[in-house]
C-alpha cells in the first residue's frame, strides 16, 4: 500500500512491547515490511494506550518525514476493521 515509502517505523506499546520478542512479533513485522523498505521497531512497554494494553503504531517515512496517516491499532485483533485504511 505504500510503495513510495523510504522506511517504516513500528512502535509497540504496553504488553505487546513487553512480550513481543517472545511471541516473535518483531519477526512477523520485519518479514512483511523489510522487503519493501528498512524498518525500525520501537519497544515502549512503559506506555499503555487507553483502549487496550496491546497498542501498535505504523508510520511510513518519505524523504525523512514520518506520516502515520492515523493508522494506530489500539484495539484487539478482532476489531481490526476499525483501524482505517
N, C-alpha and C. Protein backbone atom coordinates (compact mmCIF):
# COMPACT_ATOMS: atom_id res chain seq x y z
N UNK A 1 0.81 -1.21 0.00
CA UNK A 1 0.00 0.00 0.00
C UNK A 1 0.84 1.26 0.00
N UNK A 2 2.11 1.14 0.33
CA UNK A 2 2.97 2.31 0.44
C UNK A 2 4.27 2.13 -0.35
N UNK A 3 4.18 1.97 -1.66
CA UNK A 3 5.38 1.68 -2.43
C UNK A 3 6.39 2.82 -2.45
N UNK A 4 5.96 4.05 -2.17
CA UNK A 4 6.88 5.19 -2.18
C UNK A 4 7.57 5.40 -0.84
N UNK A 5 7.21 4.64 0.17
CA UNK A 5 7.82 4.81 1.49
C UNK A 5 9.31 4.47 1.43
N UNK A 6 10.12 5.32 2.05
CA UNK A 6 11.57 5.10 2.11
C UNK A 6 11.95 4.24 3.30
N UNK A 7 11.10 4.26 4.36
CA UNK A 7 11.33 3.42 5.53
C UNK A 7 10.05 3.37 6.35
N UNK A 8 10.03 2.44 7.31
CA UNK A 8 8.89 2.30 8.21
C UNK A 8 9.40 2.32 9.65
N UNK A 9 8.55 2.82 10.54
CA UNK A 9 8.80 2.70 11.98
C UNK A 9 7.53 2.13 12.60
N UNK A 10 7.69 1.09 13.39
CA UNK A 10 6.57 0.44 14.07
C UNK A 10 6.84 0.54 15.57
N UNK A 11 5.91 1.18 16.29
CA UNK A 11 6.05 1.32 17.74
C UNK A 11 5.06 0.40 18.41
N UNK A 12 5.58 -0.46 19.28
CA UNK A 12 4.75 -1.39 20.05
C UNK A 12 4.62 -0.85 21.45
N UNK A 13 3.40 -0.87 22.00
CA UNK A 13 3.13 -0.30 23.32
C UNK A 13 2.66 -1.37 24.30
N UNK A 14 2.81 -1.05 25.59
CA UNK A 14 2.24 -1.87 26.66
C UNK A 14 2.68 -3.31 26.64
N UNK A 15 1.73 -4.19 26.89
CA UNK A 15 2.07 -5.61 27.00
C UNK A 15 2.51 -6.20 25.66
N UNK A 16 2.10 -5.61 24.56
CA UNK A 16 2.59 -6.09 23.26
C UNK A 16 4.09 -5.86 23.16
N UNK A 17 4.56 -4.72 23.63
CA UNK A 17 6.00 -4.45 23.64
C UNK A 17 6.72 -5.34 24.65
N UNK A 18 6.07 -5.58 25.77
CA UNK A 18 6.71 -6.38 26.83
C UNK A 18 6.87 -7.84 26.44
N UNK A 19 5.97 -8.36 25.63
CA UNK A 19 6.00 -9.78 25.27
C UNK A 19 6.28 -10.03 23.80
N UNK A 20 6.42 -8.96 23.02
CA UNK A 20 6.54 -9.09 21.56
C UNK A 20 7.68 -9.93 21.07
N UNK A 21 8.85 -9.81 21.69
CA UNK A 21 10.00 -10.60 21.22
C UNK A 21 9.78 -12.09 21.48
N UNK A 22 9.21 -12.42 22.62
CA UNK A 22 8.94 -13.82 22.93
C UNK A 22 7.91 -14.45 22.01
N UNK A 23 7.01 -13.62 21.49
CA UNK A 23 5.96 -14.11 20.60
C UNK A 23 6.33 -13.90 19.13
N UNK A 24 7.56 -13.44 18.90
CA UNK A 24 8.09 -13.22 17.55
C UNK A 24 7.35 -12.13 16.77
N UNK A 25 6.79 -11.17 17.48
CA UNK A 25 6.10 -10.06 16.83
C UNK A 25 7.05 -9.30 15.91
N UNK A 26 8.27 -9.08 16.38
CA UNK A 26 9.25 -8.37 15.57
C UNK A 26 9.59 -9.13 14.29
N UNK A 27 9.68 -10.43 14.39
CA UNK A 27 9.98 -11.26 13.22
C UNK A 27 8.85 -11.13 12.18
N UNK A 28 7.61 -11.16 12.64
CA UNK A 28 6.46 -11.04 11.73
C UNK A 28 6.42 -9.67 11.06
N UNK A 29 6.65 -8.62 11.85
CA UNK A 29 6.63 -7.26 11.29
C UNK A 29 7.73 -7.10 10.24
N UNK A 30 8.92 -7.53 10.59
CA UNK A 30 10.04 -7.39 9.66
C UNK A 30 9.85 -8.24 8.41
N UNK A 31 9.25 -9.40 8.53
CA UNK A 31 9.02 -10.27 7.38
C UNK A 31 8.11 -9.61 6.35
N UNK A 32 7.19 -8.79 6.83
CA UNK A 32 6.25 -8.13 5.93
C UNK A 32 6.81 -6.81 5.39
N UNK A 33 7.43 -5.99 6.24
CA UNK A 33 7.83 -4.65 5.83
C UNK A 33 9.24 -4.55 5.25
N UNK A 34 10.18 -5.31 5.78
CA UNK A 34 11.58 -5.20 5.33
C UNK A 34 11.78 -5.45 3.84
N UNK A 35 11.01 -6.34 3.19
CA UNK A 35 11.22 -6.50 1.75
C UNK A 35 10.91 -5.22 0.96
N UNK A 36 10.16 -4.30 1.55
CA UNK A 36 9.76 -3.07 0.86
C UNK A 36 10.63 -1.88 1.22
N UNK A 37 11.05 -1.78 2.49
CA UNK A 37 11.86 -0.65 2.94
C UNK A 37 12.44 -0.98 4.32
N UNK A 38 13.55 -0.34 4.68
CA UNK A 38 14.11 -0.55 6.01
C UNK A 38 13.06 -0.26 7.09
N UNK A 39 13.08 -1.05 8.14
CA UNK A 39 12.04 -0.96 9.18
C UNK A 39 12.68 -0.90 10.55
N UNK A 40 12.25 0.08 11.34
CA UNK A 40 12.69 0.22 12.73
C UNK A 40 11.54 -0.19 13.64
N UNK A 41 11.84 -0.96 14.67
CA UNK A 41 10.84 -1.33 15.66
C UNK A 41 11.21 -0.66 16.97
N UNK A 42 10.25 0.05 17.55
CA UNK A 42 10.43 0.75 18.83
C UNK A 42 9.59 0.04 19.88
N UNK A 43 10.20 -0.33 20.99
CA UNK A 43 9.54 -1.07 22.06
C UNK A 43 9.22 -0.11 23.19
N UNK A 44 7.93 0.14 23.49
CA UNK A 44 7.52 1.06 24.56
C UNK A 44 6.59 0.35 25.54
N UNK A 45 7.15 -0.58 26.29
CA UNK A 45 6.35 -1.31 27.29
C UNK A 45 5.88 -0.39 28.40
N UNK A 46 6.54 0.76 28.56
CA UNK A 46 6.19 1.71 29.61
C UNK A 46 4.97 2.57 29.27
N UNK A 47 4.50 2.50 28.03
CA UNK A 47 3.34 3.31 27.60
C UNK A 47 2.18 2.36 27.30
N UNK A 48 1.06 2.56 27.99
CA UNK A 48 -0.14 1.75 27.77
C UNK A 48 -1.22 2.66 27.20
N UNK A 49 -1.72 2.32 26.05
CA UNK A 49 -2.78 3.10 25.41
C UNK A 49 -4.10 2.90 26.16
N UNK A 50 -4.98 3.91 26.16
CA UNK A 50 -6.19 3.84 26.99
C UNK A 50 -7.19 2.75 26.63
N UNK A 51 -7.32 2.41 25.34
CA UNK A 51 -8.38 1.48 24.97
C UNK A 51 -8.01 0.03 25.24
N UNK A 52 -6.71 -0.30 25.02
CA UNK A 52 -6.31 -1.70 25.11
C UNK A 52 -4.82 -1.76 25.45
N UNK A 53 -4.38 -2.74 26.24
CA UNK A 53 -2.97 -2.80 26.63
C UNK A 53 -2.02 -3.18 25.49
N UNK A 54 -2.52 -3.68 24.38
CA UNK A 54 -1.70 -4.03 23.23
C UNK A 54 -1.89 -2.98 22.14
N UNK A 55 -0.98 -2.02 22.09
CA UNK A 55 -1.09 -0.96 21.09
C UNK A 55 0.05 -1.03 20.10
N UNK A 56 -0.21 -0.55 18.88
CA UNK A 56 0.82 -0.53 17.84
C UNK A 56 0.57 0.67 16.93
N UNK A 57 1.66 1.32 16.52
CA UNK A 57 1.59 2.46 15.61
C UNK A 57 2.48 2.15 14.42
N UNK A 58 1.92 2.24 13.22
CA UNK A 58 2.69 2.06 11.99
C UNK A 58 2.92 3.44 11.37
N UNK A 59 4.18 3.76 11.09
CA UNK A 59 4.50 5.02 10.43
C UNK A 59 5.32 4.73 9.17
N UNK A 60 5.02 5.48 8.13
CA UNK A 60 5.80 5.36 6.90
C UNK A 60 6.56 6.67 6.72
N UNK A 61 7.77 6.59 6.19
CA UNK A 61 8.62 7.76 6.03
C UNK A 61 8.88 8.00 4.55
N UNK A 62 8.74 9.26 4.17
CA UNK A 62 9.04 9.68 2.81
C UNK A 62 10.10 10.78 2.90
N UNK A 63 11.27 10.55 2.36
CA UNK A 63 12.34 11.55 2.32
C UNK A 63 12.57 12.23 3.67
N UNK A 64 12.65 11.44 4.73
CA UNK A 64 12.98 11.98 6.04
C UNK A 64 11.83 12.46 6.89
N UNK A 65 10.59 12.43 6.38
CA UNK A 65 9.45 12.87 7.17
C UNK A 65 8.57 11.67 7.47
N UNK A 66 8.03 11.62 8.68
CA UNK A 66 7.18 10.49 9.09
C UNK A 66 5.72 10.88 8.94
N UNK A 67 4.94 9.93 8.46
CA UNK A 67 3.48 10.12 8.40
C UNK A 67 2.84 8.84 8.89
N UNK A 68 1.97 8.99 9.87
CA UNK A 68 1.30 7.80 10.37
C UNK A 68 -0.06 7.61 9.71
N UNK A 69 -0.59 8.65 9.12
CA UNK A 69 -1.89 8.57 8.44
C UNK A 69 -2.98 7.99 9.34
N UNK A 70 -2.84 8.16 10.63
CA UNK A 70 -3.87 7.71 11.55
C UNK A 70 -4.00 6.21 11.69
N UNK A 71 -3.02 5.46 11.26
CA UNK A 71 -3.12 4.01 11.36
C UNK A 71 -2.49 3.59 12.69
N UNK A 72 -3.26 3.75 13.75
CA UNK A 72 -2.82 3.35 15.07
C UNK A 72 -3.74 2.25 15.55
N UNK A 73 -3.20 1.12 15.85
CA UNK A 73 -4.01 -0.01 16.29
C UNK A 73 -3.95 -0.10 17.81
N UNK A 74 -5.03 0.24 18.45
CA UNK A 74 -5.09 0.09 19.90
C UNK A 74 -6.29 -0.75 20.28
N UNK A 75 -6.83 -1.47 19.32
CA UNK A 75 -7.99 -2.32 19.56
C UNK A 75 -7.56 -3.78 19.44
N UNK A 76 -8.31 -4.68 20.03
CA UNK A 76 -8.00 -6.10 19.88
C UNK A 76 -8.03 -6.50 18.41
N UNK A 77 -7.33 -7.54 18.07
CA UNK A 77 -7.26 -8.00 16.69
C UNK A 77 -8.64 -8.23 16.10
N UNK A 78 -9.59 -8.71 16.90
CA UNK A 78 -10.94 -8.96 16.40
C UNK A 78 -11.60 -7.69 15.90
N UNK A 79 -11.16 -6.52 16.38
CA UNK A 79 -11.74 -5.25 15.96
C UNK A 79 -10.89 -4.57 14.87
N UNK A 80 -10.04 -5.30 14.21
CA UNK A 80 -9.10 -4.71 13.25
C UNK A 80 -9.80 -3.93 12.15
N UNK A 81 -11.05 -4.22 11.86
CA UNK A 81 -11.76 -3.50 10.81
C UNK A 81 -11.89 -2.02 11.13
N UNK A 82 -11.68 -1.61 12.38
CA UNK A 82 -11.79 -0.21 12.77
C UNK A 82 -10.48 0.54 12.63
N UNK A 83 -9.43 -0.09 12.14
CA UNK A 83 -8.11 0.53 12.13
C UNK A 83 -7.95 1.55 11.01
N UNK A 84 -8.80 1.56 10.05
CA UNK A 84 -8.67 2.51 8.94
C UNK A 84 -7.91 1.90 7.79
N UNK A 85 -7.75 2.67 6.77
CA UNK A 85 -7.11 2.18 5.56
C UNK A 85 -5.90 3.00 5.23
